[in-house]
């Protein structure tokens, strides 16, 4: 199932779920103008098609003591398949890395890393990130504040 195959009800359901995935199916159905059973079937169909891949709870990181966000640009020493796979496997095991993107350009990966403070990032940098397979260079950029995080996709309810 492709996005272009979704009708207005499907897109409205996705918008409602992105706003608050903890809502009941009945509440979502009311928002989008469907009864509960067809709404539930549409949600299940989009899950089966892989459009809806999961549900998460957003947490204020600062209230849990995670005060530092760092974006790390990582360049590997060789772009051979073995180094890429080994690097990806290592990164997937680091809970501090909340996002990892493979890039085209001067760097190979962009990571978002969340730690309690700068000292915790320094330990992570020296003990884990710089020791990951194939790492040649890391450029760390410390974020001062969060402006827009975990924003919903820009789904238009009545069109693409």
N, C-alpha and C. Protein backbone atom coordinates (compact mmCIF):
# COMPACT_ATOMS: atom_id res chain seq x y z
N UNK A 1 0.85 -1.17 0.00
CA UNK A 1 0.00 0.00 0.00
C UNK A 1 0.89 1.24 0.00
N UNK A 2 0.62 2.15 -0.91
CA UNK A 2 1.36 3.39 -1.03
C UNK A 2 0.55 4.54 -0.45
N UNK A 3 1.25 5.60 -0.10
CA UNK A 3 0.58 6.78 0.44
C UNK A 3 -0.49 7.29 -0.52
N UNK A 4 -0.21 7.25 -1.81
CA UNK A 4 -1.17 7.74 -2.80
C UNK A 4 -2.45 6.91 -2.83
N UNK A 5 -2.41 5.70 -2.27
CA UNK A 5 -3.58 4.84 -2.23
C UNK A 5 -4.47 5.12 -1.01
N UNK A 6 -4.01 5.97 -0.11
CA UNK A 6 -4.79 6.29 1.08
C UNK A 6 -5.87 7.32 0.75
N UNK A 7 -7.05 7.11 1.29
CA UNK A 7 -8.12 8.08 1.06
C UNK A 7 -8.12 9.11 2.19
N UNK A 8 -9.08 10.02 2.13
CA UNK A 8 -9.16 11.09 3.12
C UNK A 8 -9.31 10.55 4.53
N UNK A 9 -10.11 9.52 4.72
CA UNK A 9 -10.28 8.95 6.06
C UNK A 9 -8.97 8.37 6.59
N UNK A 10 -8.26 7.64 5.73
CA UNK A 10 -6.97 7.07 6.14
C UNK A 10 -6.01 8.17 6.57
N UNK A 11 -5.91 9.23 5.78
CA UNK A 11 -4.99 10.33 6.10
C UNK A 11 -5.40 11.03 7.39
N UNK A 12 -6.70 11.21 7.59
CA UNK A 12 -7.17 11.83 8.84
C UNK A 12 -6.86 10.95 10.04
N UNK A 13 -6.98 9.65 9.87
CA UNK A 13 -6.62 8.72 10.95
C UNK A 13 -5.15 8.86 11.29
N UNK A 14 -4.29 8.92 10.28
CA UNK A 14 -2.85 9.07 10.51
C UNK A 14 -2.54 10.38 11.22
N UNK A 15 -3.21 11.45 10.83
CA UNK A 15 -3.01 12.75 11.49
C UNK A 15 -3.40 12.65 12.96
N UNK A 16 -4.55 12.02 13.23
CA UNK A 16 -5.01 11.87 14.62
C UNK A 16 -4.05 11.02 15.43
N UNK A 17 -3.54 9.94 14.85
CA UNK A 17 -2.60 9.08 15.57
C UNK A 17 -1.28 9.79 15.84
N UNK A 18 -0.82 10.60 14.89
CA UNK A 18 0.41 11.34 15.12
C UNK A 18 0.25 12.36 16.23
N UNK A 19 -0.95 12.92 16.36
CA UNK A 19 -1.20 13.90 17.41
C UNK A 19 -1.24 13.24 18.78
N UNK A 20 -1.85 12.04 18.86
CA UNK A 20 -1.95 11.34 20.14
C UNK A 20 -2.32 9.88 19.88
N UNK A 21 -1.33 9.03 19.86
CA UNK A 21 -1.55 7.62 19.56
C UNK A 21 -2.20 6.86 20.71
N UNK A 22 -2.34 7.50 21.86
CA UNK A 22 -2.97 6.82 22.99
C UNK A 22 -4.49 6.93 22.96
N UNK A 23 -5.01 7.66 22.01
CA UNK A 23 -6.47 7.81 21.89
C UNK A 23 -7.12 6.46 21.59
N UNK A 24 -8.33 6.30 22.06
CA UNK A 24 -9.08 5.09 21.74
C UNK A 24 -9.50 5.13 20.27
N UNK A 25 -9.78 3.97 19.73
CA UNK A 25 -10.28 3.91 18.36
C UNK A 25 -11.58 4.68 18.24
N UNK A 26 -12.41 4.63 19.26
CA UNK A 26 -13.68 5.37 19.24
C UNK A 26 -13.44 6.87 19.13
N UNK A 27 -12.46 7.38 19.87
CA UNK A 27 -12.15 8.81 19.82
C UNK A 27 -11.62 9.20 18.45
N UNK A 28 -10.76 8.38 17.88
CA UNK A 28 -10.22 8.65 16.55
C UNK A 28 -11.34 8.62 15.52
N UNK A 29 -12.20 7.59 15.62
CA UNK A 29 -13.32 7.46 14.69
C UNK A 29 -14.20 8.71 14.72
N UNK A 30 -14.46 9.22 15.90
CA UNK A 30 -15.29 10.42 16.03
C UNK A 30 -14.62 11.62 15.36
N UNK A 31 -13.31 11.75 15.54
CA UNK A 31 -12.58 12.87 14.94
C UNK A 31 -12.61 12.84 13.43
N UNK A 32 -12.53 11.64 12.85
CA UNK A 32 -12.41 11.53 11.40
C UNK A 32 -13.75 11.31 10.69
N UNK A 33 -14.81 11.11 11.46
CA UNK A 33 -16.13 10.96 10.86
C UNK A 33 -16.48 9.54 10.43
N UNK A 34 -15.99 8.56 11.17
CA UNK A 34 -16.30 7.15 10.90
C UNK A 34 -16.88 6.52 12.16
N UNK A 35 -17.49 5.36 12.00
CA UNK A 35 -17.85 4.60 13.18
C UNK A 35 -16.62 3.81 13.62
N UNK A 36 -16.69 3.25 14.82
CA UNK A 36 -15.51 2.61 15.42
C UNK A 36 -15.00 1.42 14.61
N UNK A 37 -15.85 0.53 14.18
CA UNK A 37 -15.41 -0.69 13.49
C UNK A 37 -14.65 -0.40 12.19
N UNK A 38 -15.19 0.44 11.29
CA UNK A 38 -14.42 0.73 10.08
C UNK A 38 -13.10 1.45 10.37
N UNK A 39 -13.11 2.31 11.39
CA UNK A 39 -11.88 3.00 11.77
C UNK A 39 -10.84 1.98 12.24
N UNK A 40 -11.25 1.05 13.08
CA UNK A 40 -10.34 0.02 13.58
C UNK A 40 -9.78 -0.81 12.43
N UNK A 41 -10.64 -1.17 11.47
CA UNK A 41 -10.18 -1.97 10.31
C UNK A 41 -9.16 -1.20 9.48
N UNK A 42 -9.39 0.08 9.30
CA UNK A 42 -8.45 0.90 8.54
C UNK A 42 -7.10 0.98 9.26
N UNK A 43 -7.12 1.15 10.57
CA UNK A 43 -5.88 1.19 11.35
C UNK A 43 -5.15 -0.14 11.22
N UNK A 44 -5.86 -1.25 11.35
CA UNK A 44 -5.24 -2.57 11.23
C UNK A 44 -4.66 -2.78 9.84
N UNK A 45 -5.37 -2.32 8.80
CA UNK A 45 -4.89 -2.46 7.42
C UNK A 45 -3.60 -1.66 7.24
N UNK A 46 -3.54 -0.45 7.80
CA UNK A 46 -2.33 0.37 7.66
C UNK A 46 -1.17 -0.21 8.47
N UNK A 47 -1.47 -0.87 9.59
CA UNK A 47 -0.42 -1.58 10.33
C UNK A 47 0.11 -2.74 9.52
N UNK A 48 -0.79 -3.53 8.95
CA UNK A 48 -0.39 -4.69 8.15
C UNK A 48 0.42 -4.27 6.93
N UNK A 49 0.12 -3.11 6.38
CA UNK A 49 0.83 -2.62 5.20
C UNK A 49 2.16 -1.96 5.56
N UNK A 50 2.43 -1.79 6.85
CA UNK A 50 3.69 -1.19 7.27
C UNK A 50 3.68 0.33 7.26
N UNK A 51 2.52 0.94 7.06
CA UNK A 51 2.43 2.40 7.11
C UNK A 51 2.53 2.85 8.57
N UNK A 52 1.80 2.19 9.43
CA UNK A 52 1.91 2.42 10.88
C UNK A 52 2.89 1.37 11.40
N UNK A 53 4.02 1.83 11.88
CA UNK A 53 5.07 0.89 12.28
C UNK A 53 5.19 0.70 13.78
N UNK A 54 4.48 1.49 14.56
CA UNK A 54 4.55 1.36 16.01
C UNK A 54 3.97 2.58 16.68
N UNK A 55 3.95 2.55 17.98
CA UNK A 55 3.48 3.67 18.77
C UNK A 55 4.48 3.92 19.88
N UNK A 56 4.75 5.19 20.15
CA UNK A 56 5.71 5.53 21.18
C UNK A 56 5.12 6.58 22.11
N UNK A 57 5.74 6.74 23.24
CA UNK A 57 5.40 7.80 24.17
C UNK A 57 6.53 8.81 24.16
N UNK A 58 6.21 10.06 23.94
CA UNK A 58 7.23 11.11 23.95
C UNK A 58 7.47 11.52 25.39
N UNK A 59 8.74 11.63 25.75
CA UNK A 59 9.13 11.94 27.12
C UNK A 59 10.00 13.19 27.10
N UNK A 60 9.80 14.06 28.06
CA UNK A 60 10.63 15.25 28.20
C UNK A 60 11.98 14.80 28.76
N UNK A 61 12.99 14.76 27.91
CA UNK A 61 14.31 14.24 28.30
C UNK A 61 14.90 15.01 29.47
N UNK A 62 14.69 16.30 29.51
CA UNK A 62 15.28 17.13 30.56
C UNK A 62 14.72 16.78 31.93
N UNK A 63 13.44 16.43 31.99
CA UNK A 63 12.83 16.08 33.28
C UNK A 63 13.37 14.75 33.82
N UNK A 64 14.01 13.97 32.95
CA UNK A 64 14.65 12.74 33.39
C UNK A 64 16.16 12.90 33.53
N UNK A 65 16.63 14.14 33.39
CA UNK A 65 18.04 14.40 33.62
C UNK A 65 18.94 14.27 32.40
N UNK A 66 18.37 14.19 31.21
CA UNK A 66 19.18 14.12 29.98
C UNK A 66 19.26 15.52 29.39
N UNK A 67 20.30 16.26 29.77
CA UNK A 67 20.38 17.67 29.44
C UNK A 67 21.22 17.98 28.21
N UNK A 68 21.86 16.99 27.62
CA UNK A 68 22.75 17.26 26.50
C UNK A 68 22.32 16.48 25.27
N UNK A 69 22.16 17.21 24.17
CA UNK A 69 21.93 16.60 22.86
C UNK A 69 23.08 16.99 21.97
N UNK A 70 23.68 15.99 21.33
CA UNK A 70 24.81 16.22 20.44
C UNK A 70 24.49 15.58 19.09
N UNK A 71 24.78 16.31 18.04
CA UNK A 71 24.70 15.75 16.69
C UNK A 71 26.13 15.45 16.27
N UNK A 72 26.38 14.21 15.92
CA UNK A 72 27.74 13.80 15.55
C UNK A 72 27.76 13.40 14.08
N UNK A 73 28.63 14.06 13.34
CA UNK A 73 28.87 13.70 11.94
C UNK A 73 30.03 12.71 11.95
N UNK A 74 29.80 11.53 11.40
CA UNK A 74 30.81 10.46 11.45
C UNK A 74 31.26 10.12 10.04
N UNK A 75 32.56 10.11 9.85
CA UNK A 75 33.15 9.68 8.58
C UNK A 75 33.90 8.39 8.84
N UNK A 76 33.63 7.38 8.02
CA UNK A 76 34.34 6.11 8.15
C UNK A 76 35.61 6.14 7.34
N UNK A 77 36.59 5.36 7.75
CA UNK A 77 37.88 5.34 7.07
C UNK A 77 37.78 4.65 5.71
N UNK A 78 36.90 3.70 5.60
CA UNK A 78 36.69 3.01 4.33
C UNK A 78 35.20 2.77 4.20
N UNK A 79 34.67 2.94 3.01
CA UNK A 79 33.24 2.75 2.84
C UNK A 79 32.92 1.35 2.35
N UNK A 80 33.85 0.43 2.56
CA UNK A 80 33.60 -0.97 2.21
C UNK A 80 32.41 -1.50 3.01
N UNK A 81 31.72 -2.46 2.47
CA UNK A 81 30.49 -2.99 3.07
C UNK A 81 30.73 -3.53 4.48
N UNK A 82 31.87 -4.12 4.74
CA UNK A 82 32.11 -4.69 6.06
C UNK A 82 32.19 -3.61 7.14
N UNK A 83 32.84 -2.49 6.85
CA UNK A 83 32.91 -1.41 7.83
C UNK A 83 31.55 -0.78 8.07
N UNK A 84 30.77 -0.60 7.02
CA UNK A 84 29.45 0.00 7.18
C UNK A 84 28.58 -0.89 8.04
N UNK A 85 28.52 -2.17 7.74
CA UNK A 85 27.69 -3.09 8.50
C UNK A 85 28.14 -3.19 9.95
N UNK A 86 29.46 -3.24 10.18
CA UNK A 86 29.98 -3.33 11.54
C UNK A 86 29.70 -2.04 12.32
N UNK A 87 29.81 -0.90 11.65
CA UNK A 87 29.51 0.37 12.31
C UNK A 87 28.03 0.44 12.68
N UNK A 88 27.16 0.09 11.75
CA UNK A 88 25.72 0.11 12.01
C UNK A 88 25.37 -0.81 13.17
N UNK A 89 25.96 -2.00 13.19
CA UNK A 89 25.68 -2.94 14.29
C UNK A 89 26.12 -2.35 15.63
N UNK A 90 27.26 -1.69 15.65
CA UNK A 90 27.74 -1.08 16.90
C UNK A 90 26.79 0.04 17.34
N UNK A 91 26.41 0.91 16.42
CA UNK A 91 25.55 2.05 16.75
C UNK A 91 24.20 1.58 17.27
N UNK A 92 23.67 0.52 16.70
CA UNK A 92 22.37 0.01 17.15
C UNK A 92 22.42 -0.47 18.60
N UNK A 93 23.59 -0.77 19.09
CA UNK A 93 23.73 -1.21 20.47
C UNK A 93 23.97 -0.10 21.47
N UNK A 94 24.04 1.14 21.02
CA UNK A 94 24.30 2.26 21.91
C UNK A 94 22.99 2.98 22.23
N UNK A 95 22.45 2.87 23.44
CA UNK A 95 21.19 3.53 23.75
C UNK A 95 21.28 5.06 23.71
N UNK A 96 22.47 5.59 23.83
CA UNK A 96 22.64 7.05 23.77
C UNK A 96 22.31 7.61 22.38
N UNK A 97 22.47 6.77 21.35
CA UNK A 97 22.18 7.19 19.98
C UNK A 97 20.69 7.00 19.74
N UNK A 98 19.98 8.12 19.61
CA UNK A 98 18.53 8.05 19.42
C UNK A 98 18.13 8.05 17.96
N UNK A 99 19.00 8.57 17.09
CA UNK A 99 18.76 8.58 15.65
C UNK A 99 20.08 8.37 14.93
N UNK A 100 20.01 7.66 13.82
CA UNK A 100 21.20 7.45 12.99
C UNK A 100 20.76 7.47 11.54
N UNK A 101 21.42 8.31 10.74
CA UNK A 101 21.09 8.44 9.33
C UNK A 101 22.36 8.24 8.50
N UNK A 102 22.27 7.40 7.47
CA UNK A 102 23.36 7.26 6.51
C UNK A 102 23.20 8.37 5.49
N UNK A 103 24.30 9.05 5.17
CA UNK A 103 24.25 10.23 4.31
C UNK A 103 25.05 10.07 3.03
N UNK A 104 24.74 10.92 2.09
CA UNK A 104 25.59 11.14 0.93
C UNK A 104 26.30 12.46 1.17
N UNK A 105 27.56 12.54 0.82
CA UNK A 105 28.28 13.80 1.02
C UNK A 105 29.60 13.58 1.72
N UNK A 106 30.05 14.60 2.43
CA UNK A 106 31.37 14.57 3.05
C UNK A 106 31.45 13.65 4.26
N UNK A 107 30.33 13.39 4.90
CA UNK A 107 30.30 12.48 6.04
C UNK A 107 29.38 11.31 5.72
N UNK A 108 29.59 10.21 6.42
CA UNK A 108 28.83 8.99 6.13
C UNK A 108 27.57 8.85 6.97
N UNK A 109 27.61 9.35 8.21
CA UNK A 109 26.49 9.18 9.13
C UNK A 109 26.26 10.45 9.93
N UNK A 110 25.00 10.69 10.28
CA UNK A 110 24.64 11.74 11.22
C UNK A 110 23.90 11.07 12.36
N UNK A 111 24.40 11.28 13.58
CA UNK A 111 23.82 10.68 14.77
C UNK A 111 23.25 11.76 15.67
N UNK A 112 22.14 11.46 16.31
CA UNK A 112 21.65 12.30 17.41
C UNK A 112 21.89 11.50 18.67
N UNK A 113 22.61 12.11 19.61
CA UNK A 113 23.04 11.44 20.83
C UNK A 113 22.52 12.24 22.01
N UNK A 114 21.90 11.55 22.97
CA UNK A 114 21.36 12.20 24.15
C UNK A 114 22.07 11.63 25.38
N UNK A 115 22.62 12.54 26.19
CA UNK A 115 23.31 12.13 27.43
C UNK A 115 22.90 13.06 28.56
N UNK A 116 23.29 12.69 29.76
CA UNK A 116 22.91 13.49 30.93
C UNK A 116 23.60 14.85 30.94
N UNK A 117 24.86 14.88 30.50
CA UNK A 117 25.62 16.14 30.51
C UNK A 117 26.81 15.99 29.57
N UNK A 118 27.61 17.07 29.48
CA UNK A 118 28.77 17.05 28.58
C UNK A 118 29.79 15.99 28.98
N UNK A 119 29.96 15.78 30.28
CA UNK A 119 30.91 14.77 30.74
C UNK A 119 30.47 13.37 30.31
N UNK A 120 29.16 13.11 30.36
CA UNK A 120 28.65 11.81 29.92
C UNK A 120 28.86 11.64 28.42
N UNK A 121 28.70 12.73 27.66
CA UNK A 121 28.97 12.63 26.21
C UNK A 121 30.45 12.37 25.97
N UNK A 122 31.30 13.02 26.74
CA UNK A 122 32.74 12.82 26.57
C UNK A 122 33.10 11.35 26.81
N UNK A 123 32.54 10.75 27.86
CA UNK A 123 32.79 9.33 28.12
C UNK A 123 32.27 8.48 26.96
N UNK A 124 31.05 8.76 26.50
CA UNK A 124 30.49 8.02 25.38
C UNK A 124 31.38 8.16 24.14
N UNK A 125 31.85 9.38 23.89
CA UNK A 125 32.70 9.65 22.74
C UNK A 125 33.97 8.80 22.78
N UNK A 126 34.67 8.84 23.90
CA UNK A 126 35.97 8.14 23.99
C UNK A 126 35.82 6.63 24.16
N UNK A 127 34.83 6.18 24.91
CA UNK A 127 34.71 4.76 25.21
C UNK A 127 33.92 3.98 24.17
N UNK A 128 33.03 4.64 23.44
CA UNK A 128 32.18 3.92 22.50
C UNK A 128 32.29 4.45 21.07
N UNK A 129 31.87 5.70 20.86
CA UNK A 129 31.74 6.20 19.50
C UNK A 129 33.06 6.20 18.75
N UNK A 130 34.10 6.73 19.34
CA UNK A 130 35.39 6.78 18.64
C UNK A 130 36.00 5.39 18.46
N UNK A 131 35.51 4.40 19.21
CA UNK A 131 36.01 3.03 19.10
C UNK A 131 35.16 2.18 18.15
N UNK A 132 34.09 2.73 17.61
CA UNK A 132 33.22 1.97 16.71
C UNK A 132 33.99 1.60 15.45
N UNK A 133 33.68 0.45 14.85
CA UNK A 133 34.42 -0.03 13.68
C UNK A 133 34.44 0.97 12.52
N UNK A 134 35.65 1.22 12.02
CA UNK A 134 35.81 2.01 10.81
C UNK A 134 35.78 3.51 10.99
N UNK A 135 35.63 4.03 12.20
CA UNK A 135 35.52 5.47 12.39
C UNK A 135 36.85 6.15 12.12
N UNK A 136 36.81 7.13 11.23
CA UNK A 136 37.99 7.93 10.92
C UNK A 136 37.91 9.30 11.55
N UNK A 137 36.71 9.92 11.49
CA UNK A 137 36.58 11.29 11.96
C UNK A 137 35.19 11.50 12.52
N UNK A 138 35.10 12.31 13.59
CA UNK A 138 33.81 12.65 14.21
C UNK A 138 33.80 14.14 14.45
N UNK A 139 32.75 14.79 14.01
CA UNK A 139 32.53 16.20 14.29
C UNK A 139 31.30 16.30 15.18
N UNK A 140 31.49 16.74 16.42
CA UNK A 140 30.40 16.82 17.39
C UNK A 140 29.85 18.24 17.44
N UNK A 141 28.53 18.35 17.36
CA UNK A 141 27.84 19.64 17.41
C UNK A 141 26.85 19.58 18.57
N UNK A 142 27.06 20.41 19.58
CA UNK A 142 26.19 20.42 20.76
C UNK A 142 24.99 21.33 20.50
N UNK A 143 23.80 20.79 20.71
CA UNK A 143 22.57 21.58 20.55
C UNK A 143 22.35 22.42 21.79
N UNK A 144 21.99 23.68 21.60
CA UNK A 144 21.71 24.57 22.72
C UNK A 144 20.30 24.38 23.25
N UNK A 145 19.33 24.19 22.35
CA UNK A 145 17.95 23.99 22.77
C UNK A 145 17.19 23.22 21.70
N UNK A 146 16.08 22.63 22.11
CA UNK A 146 15.23 21.90 21.19
C UNK A 146 14.13 22.84 20.71
N UNK A 147 14.01 22.98 19.41
CA UNK A 147 12.99 23.84 18.84
C UNK A 147 11.82 22.99 18.32
N UNK A 148 12.15 21.92 17.61
CA UNK A 148 11.12 21.05 17.04
C UNK A 148 11.67 19.64 17.03
N UNK A 149 11.08 18.78 17.83
CA UNK A 149 11.56 17.41 17.97
C UNK A 149 10.38 16.47 17.78
N UNK A 150 10.61 15.39 17.07
CA UNK A 150 9.59 14.37 16.84
C UNK A 150 8.31 14.97 16.26
N UNK A 151 8.49 15.81 15.26
CA UNK A 151 7.34 16.44 14.62
C UNK A 151 6.61 15.42 13.76
N UNK A 152 5.29 15.54 13.68
CA UNK A 152 4.53 14.63 12.82
C UNK A 152 4.84 14.88 11.35
N UNK A 153 4.62 13.87 10.53
CA UNK A 153 4.78 14.04 9.09
C UNK A 153 3.74 15.02 8.57
N UNK A 154 4.06 15.76 7.54
CA UNK A 154 3.13 16.78 7.01
C UNK A 154 2.07 16.15 6.11
N UNK A 155 1.19 15.38 6.69
CA UNK A 155 0.13 14.70 5.94
C UNK A 155 -1.03 15.67 5.72
N UNK A 156 -1.44 15.83 4.47
CA UNK A 156 -2.60 16.67 4.15
C UNK A 156 -3.84 15.78 4.20
N UNK A 157 -4.83 16.16 4.98
CA UNK A 157 -6.02 15.33 5.17
C UNK A 157 -6.78 15.11 3.88
N UNK A 158 -6.84 16.12 3.02
CA UNK A 158 -7.67 16.03 1.81
C UNK A 158 -6.87 15.95 0.54
N UNK A 159 -5.64 15.57 0.61
CA UNK A 159 -4.82 15.48 -0.60
C UNK A 159 -3.41 15.08 -0.27
N UNK A 160 -2.56 15.06 -1.27
CA UNK A 160 -1.17 14.69 -1.07
C UNK A 160 -0.40 15.93 -0.84
